[in-house]
Amino acid sequence: MTTPQLLRRSAIALIGLEVGLASTYFLLIWRHGTTISLLDFNGLRSLPSMMQAAHLFAIAAVCLVLLIQRHRLSRPCSRYLPLALAGLSILGGIDELTKLHLTLDQINWKLLYLGLLVAIPILSWRDLIWLWQAHRATLVWIAAGLAIFLLGGFGAEMVQGAIATSVAASSSSQTVLLAEHLRITIEEFAELLGETLILYAFLAFMGKALTKRSDRTTTTPIF
């Protein structure tokens, strides 16, 4: 089995595990009205939460490896792009482990994250153009993962008020409970899935783009 095949199968297996965790969590809520703390998608340092943090720290680690080995790329990227992505991932991983956004609720975390995400393509547009030309599949996978992450993370929170309003007239507390936990399941699963796709894209890119030292080109890095 080749490395790309192993990487692809590992990603599929990881997605399957995430689907299983999300399904188990919601089924337990549906049948029993509660779940075990290990599987709580909304819990602190539960298995899903730890997986999200591991995904983010792994993305950061890959970005730092690419930063260190940037001279081995066929066209060295700027230092800013891997540094910014690593910093954003580390911040997200710490937040996932500590729920920092709940402790420091005076900070608009959504605006902070979105601001950082918007700044990356603006300041690294030349790197992104190169990626689109030379590694289009990588950019597509990253964009897909990021879209799923944002749609689940921010989209699910945006409909939270709408869900609360729509079930407010219901006399069934079970309906209210299921609606809220369905929102949590979709939100957290989308974030997990998006992070998995982004991590897969980065690992696949690292495997393809890093060249042997003897094949190193004389392309001038962009600073």
Protein backbone atom coordinates (compact mmCIF):
# COMPACT_ATOMS: atom_id res chain seq x y z
CA MET A 1 0.00 0.00 0.00
CA THR A 2 1.36 3.38 -1.00
CA THR A 3 1.50 6.37 1.34
CA PRO A 4 -1.31 8.25 -0.47
CA GLN A 5 -3.54 5.16 -0.25
CA LEU A 6 -2.78 4.75 3.46
CA LEU A 7 -3.49 8.43 4.06
CA ARG A 8 -6.78 8.24 2.15
CA ARG A 9 -7.95 5.13 4.00
CA SER A 10 -6.95 6.64 7.35
CA ALA A 11 -9.01 9.74 6.57
CA ILE A 12 -12.01 7.61 5.61
CA ALA A 13 -11.67 5.56 8.81
CA LEU A 14 -11.43 8.73 10.89
CA ILE A 15 -14.54 10.18 9.25
CA GLY A 16 -16.33 6.88 9.93
CA LEU A 17 -15.36 7.13 13.60
CA GLU A 18 -16.67 10.70 13.74
CA VAL A 19 -19.98 9.66 12.16
CA GLY A 20 -20.25 6.85 14.70
CA LEU A 21 -19.56 9.15 17.64
CA ALA A 22 -22.09 11.74 16.44
CA SER A 23 -24.75 9.08 15.83
CA THR A 24 -24.15 7.45 19.22
CA TYR A 25 -24.31 10.78 21.02
CA PHE A 26 -27.63 11.78 19.45
CA LEU A 27 -29.15 8.32 19.84
CA LEU A 28 -28.33 8.31 23.56
CA ILE A 29 -29.96 11.73 23.92
CA TRP A 30 -32.99 10.58 21.96
CA ARG A 31 -33.46 7.33 23.89
CA HIS A 32 -32.36 8.33 27.39
CA GLY A 33 -32.34 12.12 27.45
CA THR A 34 -28.66 12.16 28.44
CA THR A 35 -25.29 10.78 27.38
CA ILE A 36 -22.09 9.66 29.05
CA SER A 37 -19.55 12.42 29.64
CA LEU A 38 -16.95 10.71 27.43
CA LEU A 39 -19.19 11.08 24.36
CA ASP A 40 -20.63 14.50 25.17
CA PHE A 41 -20.20 16.60 22.02
CA ASN A 42 -20.78 19.72 24.09
CA GLY A 43 -18.59 18.71 27.00
CA LEU A 44 -15.20 19.89 28.21
CA ARG A 45 -12.37 17.52 27.29
CA SER A 46 -14.74 14.77 26.18
CA LEU A 47 -13.64 12.38 23.41
CA PRO A 48 -15.07 14.56 20.57
CA SER A 49 -13.53 17.67 22.13
CA MET A 50 -10.14 15.99 22.50
CA MET A 51 -10.34 14.81 18.88
CA GLN A 52 -11.01 18.35 17.71
CA ALA A 53 -8.05 19.64 19.70
CA ALA A 54 -5.84 16.84 18.33
CA HIS A 55 -6.90 17.71 14.77
CA LEU A 56 -6.05 21.37 15.28
CA PHE A 57 -2.70 20.70 16.94
CA ALA A 58 -1.85 18.22 14.16
CA ILE A 59 -2.63 20.86 11.52
CA ALA A 60 -0.41 23.30 13.41
CA ALA A 61 2.40 20.73 13.57
CA VAL A 62 2.21 20.08 9.82
CA CYS A 63 2.30 23.83 9.14
CA LEU A 64 5.39 24.22 11.33
CA VAL A 65 7.09 21.32 9.54
CA LEU A 66 6.32 23.00 6.22
CA LEU A 67 7.75 26.23 7.60
CA ILE A 68 10.99 24.52 8.62
CA GLN A 69 11.21 22.57 5.35
CA ARG A 70 10.01 25.36 3.06
CA HIS A 71 13.37 25.40 1.26
CA ARG A 72 12.59 21.92 -0.04
CA LEU A 73 9.44 23.04 -1.82
CA SER A 74 9.64 23.44 -5.59
CA ARG A 75 8.65 27.04 -4.94
CA PRO A 76 9.26 28.15 -1.33
CA CYS A 77 6.19 29.76 0.17
CA SER A 78 6.26 32.83 2.38
CA ARG A 79 6.85 32.41 6.09
CA TYR A 80 3.60 34.15 6.92
CA LEU A 81 1.21 31.54 5.51
CA PRO A 82 2.34 28.49 7.55
CA LEU A 83 2.95 30.66 10.62
CA ALA A 84 -0.53 32.20 10.45
CA LEU A 85 -2.21 28.84 9.91
CA ALA A 86 -0.22 27.25 12.75
CA GLY A 87 -1.05 30.11 15.11
CA LEU A 88 -4.74 29.99 14.26
CA SER A 89 -4.83 26.22 14.75
CA ILE A 90 -2.99 26.38 18.09
CA LEU A 91 -5.39 29.07 19.31
CA GLY A 92 -8.34 26.93 18.27
CA GLY A 93 -6.88 23.83 19.93
CA ILE A 94 -6.28 25.64 23.23
CA ASP A 95 -9.79 27.07 23.08
CA GLU A 96 -11.21 23.60 22.48
CA LEU A 97 -9.41 22.18 25.52
CA THR A 98 -10.19 25.05 27.87
CA LYS A 99 -13.40 26.59 26.41
CA LEU A 100 -11.57 29.91 26.63
CA HIS A 101 -14.29 31.64 24.62
CA LEU A 102 -16.73 30.97 27.46
CA THR A 103 -14.36 32.30 30.13
CA LEU A 104 -13.44 35.45 28.23
CA ASP A 105 -16.88 36.11 26.83
CA GLN A 106 -16.18 39.84 26.60
CA ILE A 107 -14.12 39.09 23.47
CA ASN A 108 -16.00 38.62 20.21
CA TRP A 109 -14.39 35.30 19.32
CA LYS A 110 -16.35 34.85 16.10
CA LEU A 111 -15.13 38.20 14.82
CA LEU A 112 -11.57 37.39 15.91
CA TYR A 113 -11.46 34.04 14.10
CA LEU A 114 -13.16 35.41 10.99
CA GLY A 115 -10.77 38.36 10.95
CA LEU A 116 -7.76 36.06 11.07
CA LEU A 117 -9.23 33.85 8.34
CA VAL A 118 -9.86 36.84 6.10
CA ALA A 119 -6.35 38.24 6.72
CA ILE A 120 -4.62 35.04 5.61
CA PRO A 121 -5.67 35.08 1.92
CA ILE A 122 -5.22 38.87 1.72
CA LEU A 123 -1.61 38.72 2.95
CA SER A 124 -0.75 35.42 1.23
CA TRP A 125 -2.45 35.84 -2.13
CA ARG A 126 0.72 35.01 -4.10
CA ASP A 127 1.10 31.72 -2.23
CA LEU A 128 -2.55 30.88 -2.87
CA ILE A 129 -2.18 31.62 -6.59
CA TRP A 130 0.78 29.24 -6.70
CA LEU A 131 -1.17 26.58 -4.81
CA TRP A 132 -4.07 26.96 -7.24
CA GLN A 133 -1.74 26.54 -10.20
CA ALA A 134 0.46 23.73 -8.88
CA HIS A 135 -1.60 21.99 -6.18
CA ARG A 136 -5.22 22.72 -7.01
CA ALA A 137 -6.57 19.59 -5.34
CA THR A 138 -4.98 20.64 -2.04
CA LEU A 139 -6.63 24.05 -2.16
CA VAL A 140 -10.00 22.51 -3.06
CA TRP A 141 -9.84 20.09 -0.12
CA ILE A 142 -8.85 22.88 2.27
CA ALA A 143 -11.64 25.12 0.97
CA ALA A 144 -14.17 22.28 1.32
CA GLY A 145 -13.04 21.52 4.87
CA LEU A 146 -13.10 25.18 5.83
CA ALA A 147 -16.57 25.66 4.32
CA ILE A 148 -17.95 22.67 6.25
CA PHE A 149 -16.28 23.87 9.44
CA LEU A 150 -17.67 27.40 9.13
CA LEU A 151 -21.11 26.25 8.02
CA GLY A 152 -21.36 23.89 10.97
CA GLY A 153 -19.68 26.05 13.58
CA PHE A 154 -21.14 29.45 12.76
CA GLY A 155 -24.25 28.34 10.88
CA ALA A 156 -25.52 26.10 13.67
CA GLU A 157 -25.05 28.86 16.22
CA MET A 158 -26.89 31.32 13.99
CA VAL A 159 -29.96 29.08 13.90
CA GLN A 160 -29.89 28.53 17.66
CA GLY A 161 -32.24 31.43 18.25
CA ALA A 162 -34.55 30.27 15.49
CA ILE A 163 -34.72 26.79 17.00
CA ALA A 164 -35.47 28.22 20.44
CA THR A 165 -38.25 30.36 19.01
CA SER A 166 -39.81 27.56 17.00
CA VAL A 167 -39.95 25.15 19.92
CA ALA A 168 -40.94 27.73 22.53
CA ALA A 169 -44.62 27.11 21.83
CA SER A 170 -44.18 23.37 22.20
CA SER A 171 -45.32 21.85 25.44
CA SER A 172 -42.96 18.92 25.01
CA SER A 173 -39.65 19.35 26.79
CA GLN A 174 -38.40 16.34 24.84
CA THR A 175 -38.84 18.28 21.60
CA VAL A 176 -36.85 21.20 22.99
CA LEU A 177 -34.11 18.85 24.20
CA LEU A 178 -33.84 16.98 20.91
CA ALA A 179 -33.82 20.17 18.83
CA GLU A 180 -30.97 21.67 20.84
CA HIS A 181 -28.90 18.48 20.88
CA LEU A 182 -29.46 18.00 17.15
CA ARG A 183 -28.01 21.47 16.65
CA ILE A 184 -25.04 20.58 18.88
CA THR A 185 -24.50 17.32 17.00
CA ILE A 186 -24.51 19.01 13.60
CA GLU A 187 -22.28 21.84 14.78
CA GLU A 188 -19.61 19.70 16.43
CA PHE A 189 -19.65 16.98 13.77
CA ALA A 190 -19.25 19.57 11.00
CA GLU A 191 -16.28 21.06 12.82
CA LEU A 192 -14.71 17.62 13.24
CA LEU A 193 -15.32 16.71 9.59
CA GLY A 194 -13.97 20.02 8.34
CA GLU A 195 -10.82 19.68 10.43
CA THR A 196 -10.31 16.12 9.15
CA LEU A 197 -10.51 17.24 5.52
CA ILE A 198 -8.11 20.13 6.15
CA LEU A 199 -5.64 17.84 7.94
CA TYR A 200 -5.87 15.31 5.11
CA ALA A 201 -5.20 18.07 2.57
CA PHE A 202 -2.15 19.34 4.46
CA LEU A 203 -0.66 15.87 4.88
CA ALA A 204 -1.26 15.01 1.22
CA PHE A 205 0.33 18.31 0.19
CA MET A 206 3.34 17.73 2.41
CA GLY A 207 3.85 14.29 0.89
CA LYS A 208 3.68 15.61 -2.67
CA ALA A 209 5.27 19.03 -2.43
CA LEU A 210 8.37 18.36 -0.34
CA THR A 211 11.23 17.45 -2.62
CA LYS A 212 14.56 15.85 -1.92
CA ARG A 213 17.33 18.20 -0.91
CA SER A 214 19.25 17.30 -4.07
CA ASP A 215 16.33 18.51 -6.20
CA ARG A 216 16.16 21.84 -4.48
CA THR A 217 15.57 24.72 -6.90
CA THR A 218 16.98 28.22 -6.85
CA THR A 219 13.61 29.92 -6.76
CA THR A 220 13.77 33.06 -4.61
CA PRO A 221 11.43 32.87 -1.58
CA ILE A 222 8.66 35.42 -1.22
CA PHE A 223 8.89 37.42 2.00
